[in-house]
Amino acid sequence: MHFLGEDLTGKRVLEIGCGSAPCARWLAGQGALPVGLDLSMGMLERGLAAMARGGPRVPLVQAGAEALPFADASFDLACSAFGAVPFVADSALLMREVARVLRPGGRWVFSVNHPMRWIFPDDPGPAGLTASIPYFDRTPYVEVDADGAATYVEHHRTIGDRVREIVAAGLVLRDIVEPDWPEWLDREWGQWSPLRGELFPGTAIFVTEKPGS
């Protein structure tokens, strides 16, 4: 499905939470004019190394998603594939920032782990089928190192939370896509597995637009 549109030629695209920028590099290969943004210099350096080995090259920017260093209406499209959105405390601010840098009529598409996944343990086997965490518990999941410093933080928001953030930012929600588990995929990958995929979605894709043209 072409969530960003079928013809990306010449489109200015911002990838938020790009990591090593595989999506931004793919977009460049489709004729788009992408920019990759991520908070982690380590991940951006991996992207630079990948580009040095060949293929499309894209500009990369180190910055936080809550304060995008771009002018208003700078981009035709914005996207994020499991990046940034769950990892900032104020994701409502992120939505407003994306709306600001999009031109009228622009589209913002982002994917996250499906919010209902929050209630199940991260286990691809039978243990991962038992709900054990309240869906409405928005306490962040935090991992710390030996010194007690946070090394990983993920923030949970319900489907309703996401819809309200989108609407409050002045964006129009066009679709929420919940992909089926692919029939051909018969192996486990991290917390993902055919066992879980047959029963509930692993991914939620939010397709939004900024009003105007």
C-alpha atoms as a PDB file:
ATOM      1  CA  MET A   1       0.000   0.000   0.000  1.00  0.00           C
ATOM      2  CA  HIS A   2       1.282   3.460  -0.912  1.00  0.00           C
ATOM      3  CA  PHE A   3       0.642   5.321   2.325  1.00  0.00           C
ATOM      4  CA  LEU A   4       2.793   8.275   1.245  1.00  0.00           C
ATOM      5  CA  GLY A   5       1.424   8.316  -2.295  1.00  0.00           C
ATOM      6  CA  GLU A   6       2.228   6.401  -5.462  1.00  0.00           C
ATOM      7  CA  ASP A   7       4.534   8.965  -7.069  1.00  0.00           C
ATOM      8  CA  LEU A   8       7.227  10.274  -4.737  1.00  0.00           C
ATOM      9  CA  THR A   9       9.320  11.948  -7.421  1.00  0.00           C
ATOM     10  CA  GLY A  10      10.550  15.326  -6.217  1.00  0.00           C
ATOM     11  CA  LYS A  11       8.644  15.120  -2.928  1.00  0.00           C
ATOM     12  CA  ARG A  12      10.362  16.597   0.106  1.00  0.00           C
ATOM     13  CA  VAL A  13      10.104  13.942   2.803  1.00  0.00           C
ATOM     14  CA  LEU A  14      11.153  14.103   6.455  1.00  0.00           C
ATOM     15  CA  GLU A  15      11.837  10.772   8.164  1.00  0.00           C
ATOM     16  CA  ILE A  16      11.622  11.235  11.931  1.00  0.00           C
ATOM     17  CA  GLY A  17      13.554   8.803  14.107  1.00  0.00           C
ATOM     18  CA  CYS A  18      15.349   7.494  11.037  1.00  0.00           C
ATOM     19  CA  GLY A  19      17.999   5.429  12.835  1.00  0.00           C
ATOM     20  CA  SER A  20      20.541   4.435  10.202  1.00  0.00           C
ATOM     21  CA  ALA A  21      18.125   5.826   7.587  1.00  0.00           C
ATOM     22  CA  PRO A  22      17.222   2.720   5.547  1.00  0.00           C
ATOM     23  CA  CYS A  23      13.769   4.138   4.845  1.00  0.00           C
ATOM     24  CA  ALA A  24      15.109   7.548   3.845  1.00  0.00           C
ATOM     25  CA  ARG A  25      17.610   5.885   1.527  1.00  0.00           C
ATOM     26  CA  TRP A  26      14.833   3.770   0.005  1.00  0.00           C
ATOM     27  CA  LEU A  27      12.735   6.898  -0.527  1.00  0.00           C
ATOM     28  CA  ALA A  28      15.640   8.538  -2.326  1.00  0.00           C
ATOM     29  CA  GLY A  29      15.759   5.531  -4.617  1.00  0.00           C
ATOM     30  CA  GLN A  30      12.105   6.194  -5.473  1.00  0.00           C
ATOM     31  CA  GLY A  31      12.908   9.728  -6.610  1.00  0.00           C
ATOM     32  CA  ALA A  32      11.980  11.532  -3.390  1.00  0.00           C
ATOM     33  CA  LEU A  33      14.085  14.213  -1.686  1.00  0.00           C
ATOM     34  CA  PRO A  34      14.277  12.856   1.866  1.00  0.00           C
ATOM     35  CA  VAL A  35      15.938  14.146   5.011  1.00  0.00           C
ATOM     36  CA  GLY A  36      16.613  11.759   7.893  1.00  0.00           C
ATOM     37  CA  LEU A  37      16.409  13.008  11.476  1.00  0.00           C
ATOM     38  CA  ASP A  38      17.414  11.150  14.620  1.00  0.00           C
ATOM     39  CA  LEU A  39      18.552  11.985  18.139  1.00  0.00           C
ATOM     40  CA  SER A  40      21.273   9.331  18.150  1.00  0.00           C
ATOM     41  CA  MET A  41      24.554  10.289  16.510  1.00  0.00           C
ATOM     42  CA  GLY A  42      25.599   6.640  16.723  1.00  0.00           C
ATOM     43  CA  MET A  43      22.699   5.571  14.518  1.00  0.00           C
ATOM     44  CA  LEU A  44      23.290   8.418  12.092  1.00  0.00           C
ATOM     45  CA  GLU A  45      26.927   7.380  11.801  1.00  0.00           C
ATOM     46  CA  ARG A  46      25.753   3.900  10.819  1.00  0.00           C
ATOM     47  CA  GLY A  47      23.661   5.529   8.123  1.00  0.00           C
ATOM     48  CA  LEU A  48      26.655   7.478   6.851  1.00  0.00           C
ATOM     49  CA  ALA A  49      28.695   4.280   6.764  1.00  0.00           C
ATOM     50  CA  ALA A  50      25.960   2.507   4.811  1.00  0.00           C
ATOM     51  CA  MET A  51      25.824   5.323   2.285  1.00  0.00           C
ATOM     52  CA  ALA A  52      29.598   5.253   1.936  1.00  0.00           C
ATOM     53  CA  ARG A  53      29.265   1.661   0.738  1.00  0.00           C
ATOM     54  CA  GLY A  54      27.029   2.773  -2.133  1.00  0.00           C
ATOM     55  CA  GLY A  55      23.462   3.552  -3.050  1.00  0.00           C
ATOM     56  CA  PRO A  56      21.426   6.738  -2.659  1.00  0.00           C
ATOM     57  CA  ARG A  57      22.759   9.416  -0.345  1.00  0.00           C
ATOM     58  CA  VAL A  58      20.505  11.541   1.858  1.00  0.00           C
ATOM     59  CA  PRO A  59      21.165  14.406   4.288  1.00  0.00           C
ATOM     60  CA  LEU A  60      21.002  13.403   7.944  1.00  0.00           C
ATOM     61  CA  VAL A  61      20.235  15.724  10.862  1.00  0.00           C
ATOM     62  CA  GLN A  62      20.818  15.115  14.571  1.00  0.00           C
ATOM     63  CA  ALA A  63      17.935  16.623  16.543  1.00  0.00           C
ATOM     64  CA  GLY A  64      15.043  15.769  18.811  1.00  0.00           C
ATOM     65  CA  ALA A  65      11.579  15.223  17.377  1.00  0.00           C
ATOM     66  CA  GLU A  66       9.964  17.664  19.822  1.00  0.00           C
ATOM     67  CA  ALA A  67      11.765  20.663  18.281  1.00  0.00           C
ATOM     68  CA  LEU A  68      12.258  20.055  14.568  1.00  0.00           C
ATOM     69  CA  PRO A  69      14.977  22.374  13.203  1.00  0.00           C
ATOM     70  CA  PHE A  70      13.076  23.243  10.037  1.00  0.00           C
ATOM     71  CA  ALA A  71      10.959  26.137   8.850  1.00  0.00           C
ATOM     72  CA  ASP A  72       7.184  26.006   8.608  1.00  0.00           C
ATOM     73  CA  ALA A  73       5.817  24.121   5.583  1.00  0.00           C
ATOM     74  CA  SER A  74       9.245  22.741   4.651  1.00  0.00           C
ATOM     75  CA  PHE A  75       8.097  19.251   3.642  1.00  0.00           C
ATOM     76  CA  ASP A  76       5.519  17.611   1.413  1.00  0.00           C
ATOM     77  CA  LEU A  77       5.489  14.411   3.480  1.00  0.00           C
ATOM     78  CA  ALA A  78       6.698  13.086   6.825  1.00  0.00           C
ATOM     79  CA  CYS A  79       7.055   9.528   8.037  1.00  0.00           C
ATOM     80  CA  SER A  80       8.343   7.410  10.883  1.00  0.00           C
ATOM     81  CA  ALA A  81       8.716   3.624  10.968  1.00  0.00           C
ATOM     82  CA  PHE A  82       8.764   2.594  14.634  1.00  0.00           C
ATOM     83  CA  GLY A  83      10.938   5.608  15.413  1.00  0.00           C
ATOM     84  CA  ALA A  84      10.645   8.602  17.718  1.00  0.00           C
ATOM     85  CA  VAL A  85       6.898   8.543  18.448  1.00  0.00           C
ATOM     86  CA  PRO A  86       6.947   6.059  21.374  1.00  0.00           C
ATOM     87  CA  PHE A  87      10.254   7.356  22.682  1.00  0.00           C
ATOM     88  CA  VAL A  88       9.381  10.958  23.528  1.00  0.00           C
ATOM     89  CA  ALA A  89       7.432  11.863  26.644  1.00  0.00           C
ATOM     90  CA  ASP A  90       5.449  14.602  24.911  1.00  0.00           C
ATOM     91  CA  SER A  91       4.330  12.932  21.709  1.00  0.00           C
ATOM     92  CA  ALA A  92       1.518  15.487  21.391  1.00  0.00           C
ATOM     93  CA  LEU A  93       4.208  18.133  20.913  1.00  0.00           C
ATOM     94  CA  LEU A  94       5.853  15.934  18.283  1.00  0.00           C
ATOM     95  CA  MET A  95       2.546  15.842  16.382  1.00  0.00           C
ATOM     96  CA  ARG A  96       2.282  19.625  16.505  1.00  0.00           C
ATOM     97  CA  GLU A  97       5.848  19.994  15.251  1.00  0.00           C
ATOM     98  CA  VAL A  98       5.185  17.661  12.347  1.00  0.00           C
ATOM     99  CA  ALA A  99       2.030  19.607  11.473  1.00  0.00           C
ATOM    100  CA  ARG A 100       4.073  22.820  11.540  1.00  0.00           C
ATOM    101  CA  VAL A 101       6.756  21.653   9.100  1.00  0.00           C
ATOM    102  CA  LEU A 102       4.270  20.044   6.692  1.00  0.00           C
ATOM    103  CA  ARG A 103       2.865  22.056   3.822  1.00  0.00           C
ATOM    104  CA  PRO A 104      -0.942  22.246   3.566  1.00  0.00           C
ATOM    105  CA  GLY A 105      -2.154  19.024   2.020  1.00  0.00           C
ATOM    106  CA  GLY A 106       0.939  17.178   3.243  1.00  0.00           C
ATOM    107  CA  ARG A 107       0.738  13.701   4.719  1.00  0.00           C
ATOM    108  CA  TRP A 108       2.203  12.348   7.981  1.00  0.00           C
ATOM    109  CA  VAL A 109       2.372   8.556   8.266  1.00  0.00           C
ATOM    110  CA  PHE A 110       3.849   6.770  11.268  1.00  0.00           C
ATOM    111  CA  SER A 111       3.933   3.207  12.533  1.00  0.00           C
ATOM    112  CA  VAL A 112       4.250   2.006  16.118  1.00  0.00           C
ATOM    113  CA  ASN A 113       3.895  -1.262  17.953  1.00  0.00           C
ATOM    114  CA  HIS A 114       0.142  -1.715  18.205  1.00  0.00           C
ATOM    115  CA  PRO A 115      -0.962  -0.179  21.532  1.00  0.00           C
ATOM    116  CA  MET A 116      -2.733  -3.378  22.571  1.00  0.00           C
ATOM    117  CA  ARG A 117       0.663  -5.118  22.546  1.00  0.00           C
ATOM    118  CA  TRP A 118       1.431  -3.211  25.741  1.00  0.00           C
ATOM    119  CA  ILE A 119      -0.764  -5.557  27.792  1.00  0.00           C
ATOM    120  CA  PHE A 120       1.149  -8.704  26.786  1.00  0.00           C
ATOM    121  CA  PRO A 121       4.659  -9.804  27.845  1.00  0.00           C
ATOM    122  CA  ASP A 122       7.374  -9.549  25.188  1.00  0.00           C
ATOM    123  CA  ASP A 123       7.404 -13.286  24.581  1.00  0.00           C
ATOM    124  CA  PRO A 124       6.786 -14.892  21.180  1.00  0.00           C
ATOM    125  CA  GLY A 125       5.555 -18.107  22.800  1.00  0.00           C
ATOM    126  CA  PRO A 126       2.446 -19.056  24.802  1.00  0.00           C
ATOM    127  CA  ALA A 127       3.504 -16.816  27.708  1.00  0.00           C
ATOM    128  CA  GLY A 128       3.049 -13.871  25.371  1.00  0.00           C
ATOM    129  CA  LEU A 129      -0.657 -14.599  24.974  1.00  0.00           C
ATOM    130  CA  THR A 130      -1.648 -13.762  28.548  1.00  0.00           C
ATOM    131  CA  ALA A 131      -2.636 -10.164  29.263  1.00  0.00           C
ATOM    132  CA  SER A 132      -0.756  -8.980  32.339  1.00  0.00           C
ATOM    133  CA  ILE A 133      -0.300  -5.179  32.068  1.00  0.00           C
ATOM    134  CA  PRO A 134      -3.273  -2.771  32.131  1.00  0.00           C
ATOM    135  CA  TYR A 135      -3.915  -1.173  28.748  1.00  0.00           C
ATOM    136  CA  PHE A 136      -4.612   2.141  30.497  1.00  0.00           C
ATOM    137  CA  ASP A 137      -1.354   2.134  32.493  1.00  0.00           C
ATOM    138  CA  ARG A 138       0.742   4.822  30.833  1.00  0.00           C
ATOM    139  CA  THR A 139       3.749   4.411  33.134  1.00  0.00           C
ATOM    140  CA  PRO A 140       6.815   4.365  30.851  1.00  0.00           C
ATOM    141  CA  TYR A 141       8.818   1.194  30.389  1.00  0.00           C
ATOM    142  CA  VAL A 142      12.387   1.964  31.474  1.00  0.00           C
ATOM    143  CA  GLU A 143      15.628  -0.026  31.311  1.00  0.00           C
ATOM    144  CA  VAL A 144      18.650   1.142  33.332  1.00  0.00           C
ATOM    145  CA  ASP A 145      22.350   0.339  33.364  1.00  0.00           C
ATOM    146  CA  ALA A 146      24.447  -0.787  36.316  1.00  0.00           C
ATOM    147  CA  ASP A 147      24.665   2.801  37.577  1.00  0.00           C
ATOM    148  CA  GLY A 148      20.912   3.293  37.458  1.00  0.00           C
ATOM    149  CA  ALA A 149      20.976   5.572  34.414  1.00  0.00           C
ATOM    150  CA  ALA A 150      18.139   5.096  31.964  1.00  0.00           C
ATOM    151  CA  THR A 151      19.299   3.460  28.723  1.00  0.00           C
ATOM    152  CA  TYR A 152      15.886   2.826  27.134  1.00  0.00           C
ATOM    153  CA  VAL A 153      12.521   4.486  27.696  1.00  0.00           C
ATOM    154  CA  GLU A 154       9.305   3.698  25.861  1.00  0.00           C
ATOM    155  CA  HIS A 155       6.018   5.539  26.428  1.00  0.00           C
ATOM    156  CA  HIS A 156       2.670   3.831  26.025  1.00  0.00           C
ATOM    157  CA  ARG A 157      -0.319   5.602  24.520  1.00  0.00           C
ATOM    158  CA  THR A 158      -3.703   4.088  23.736  1.00  0.00           C
ATOM    159  CA  ILE A 159      -5.319   4.247  20.310  1.00  0.00           C
ATOM    160  CA  GLY A 160      -7.564   6.993  21.660  1.00  0.00           C
ATOM    161  CA  ASP A 161      -4.550   8.940  22.937  1.00  0.00           C
ATOM    162  CA  ARG A 162      -2.973   8.860  19.483  1.00  0.00           C
ATOM    163  CA  VAL A 163      -6.190  10.006  17.799  1.00  0.00           C
ATOM    164  CA  ARG A 164      -6.537  12.913  20.225  1.00  0.00           C
ATOM    165  CA  GLU A 165      -2.898  13.941  19.700  1.00  0.00           C
ATOM    166  CA  ILE A 166      -3.391  13.939  15.935  1.00  0.00           C
ATOM    167  CA  VAL A 167      -6.616  15.928  16.054  1.00  0.00           C
ATOM    168  CA  ALA A 168      -5.240  18.428  18.589  1.00  0.00           C
ATOM    169  CA  ALA A 169      -2.318  19.112  16.226  1.00  0.00           C
ATOM    170  CA  GLY A 170      -4.780  20.174  13.536  1.00  0.00           C
ATOM    171  CA  LEU A 171      -4.233  17.068  11.429  1.00  0.00           C
ATOM    172  CA  VAL A 172      -6.906  14.888   9.839  1.00  0.00           C
ATOM    173  CA  LEU A 173      -6.793  11.162  10.547  1.00  0.00           C
ATOM    174  CA  ARG A 174      -7.359   9.324   7.273  1.00  0.00           C
ATOM    175  CA  ASP A 175      -6.794   5.731   8.362  1.00  0.00           C
ATOM    176  CA  ILE A 176      -5.482   3.389  11.021  1.00  0.00           C
ATOM    177  CA  VAL A 177      -4.044   0.306   9.344  1.00  0.00           C
ATOM    178  CA  GLU A 178      -3.560  -2.901  11.365  1.00  0.00           C
ATOM    179  CA  PRO A 179      -1.645  -5.289   9.087  1.00  0.00           C
ATOM    180  CA  ASP A 180      -2.342  -9.007   9.217  1.00  0.00           C
ATOM    181  CA  TRP A 181       0.520 -11.364   9.998  1.00  0.00           C
ATOM    182  CA  PRO A 182       1.964 -12.419   6.602  1.00  0.00           C
ATOM    183  CA  GLU A 183       0.954 -15.992   5.784  1.00  0.00           C
ATOM    184  CA  TRP A 184       4.412 -16.726   4.359  1.00  0.00           C
ATOM    185  CA  LEU A 185       6.267 -15.627   7.504  1.00  0.00           C
ATOM    186  CA  ASP A 186       6.650 -18.716   9.685  1.00  0.00           C
ATOM    187  CA  ARG A 187       9.492 -17.717  11.999  1.00  0.00           C
ATOM    188  CA  GLU A 188       9.849 -15.800  15.238  1.00  0.00           C
ATOM    189  CA  TRP A 189      11.509 -12.396  15.293  1.00  0.00           C
ATOM    190  CA  GLY A 190      12.053 -10.879  18.737  1.00  0.00           C
ATOM    191  CA  GLN A 191       8.656 -10.620  20.372  1.00  0.00           C
ATOM    192  CA  TRP A 192       6.905 -11.248  17.055  1.00  0.00           C
ATOM    193  CA  SER A 193       5.674 -14.691  16.050  1.00  0.00           C
ATOM    194  CA  PRO A 194       2.994 -16.419  13.950  1.00  0.00           C
ATOM    195  CA  LEU A 195       1.396 -17.608  17.203  1.00  0.00           C
ATOM    196  CA  ARG A 196       0.750 -14.055  18.370  1.00  0.00           C
ATOM    197  CA  GLY A 197       0.205 -12.665  14.881  1.00  0.00           C
ATOM    198  CA  GLU A 198      -2.795 -14.919  14.288  1.00  0.00           C
ATOM    199  CA  LEU A 199      -4.566 -13.483  17.330  1.00  0.00           C
ATOM    200  CA  PHE A 200      -3.817  -9.749  17.449  1.00  0.00           C
ATOM    201  CA  PRO A 201      -2.023  -7.120  15.383  1.00  0.00           C
ATOM    202  CA  GLY A 202       1.585  -6.238  16.018  1.00  0.00           C
ATOM    203  CA  THR A 203       1.617  -2.904  14.197  1.00  0.00           C
ATOM    204  CA  ALA A 204      -0.590   0.167  13.937  1.00  0.00           C
ATOM    205  CA  ILE A 205      -0.024   2.567  11.038  1.00  0.00           C
ATOM    206  CA  PHE A 206      -1.571   6.028  11.372  1.00  0.00           C
ATOM    207  CA  VAL A 207      -2.205   7.880   8.117  1.00  0.00           C
ATOM    208  CA  THR A 208      -2.844  11.592   8.602  1.00  0.00           C
ATOM    209  CA  GLU A 209      -2.991  14.768   6.500  1.00  0.00           C
ATOM    210  CA  LYS A 210      -2.629  18.473   7.089  1.00  0.00           C
ATOM    211  CA  PRO A 211      -5.727  20.299   5.807  1.00  0.00           C
ATOM    212  CA  GLY A 212      -5.373  22.550   2.798  1.00  0.00           C
ATOM    213  CA  SER A 213      -3.801  22.232  -0.609  1.00  0.00           C
END
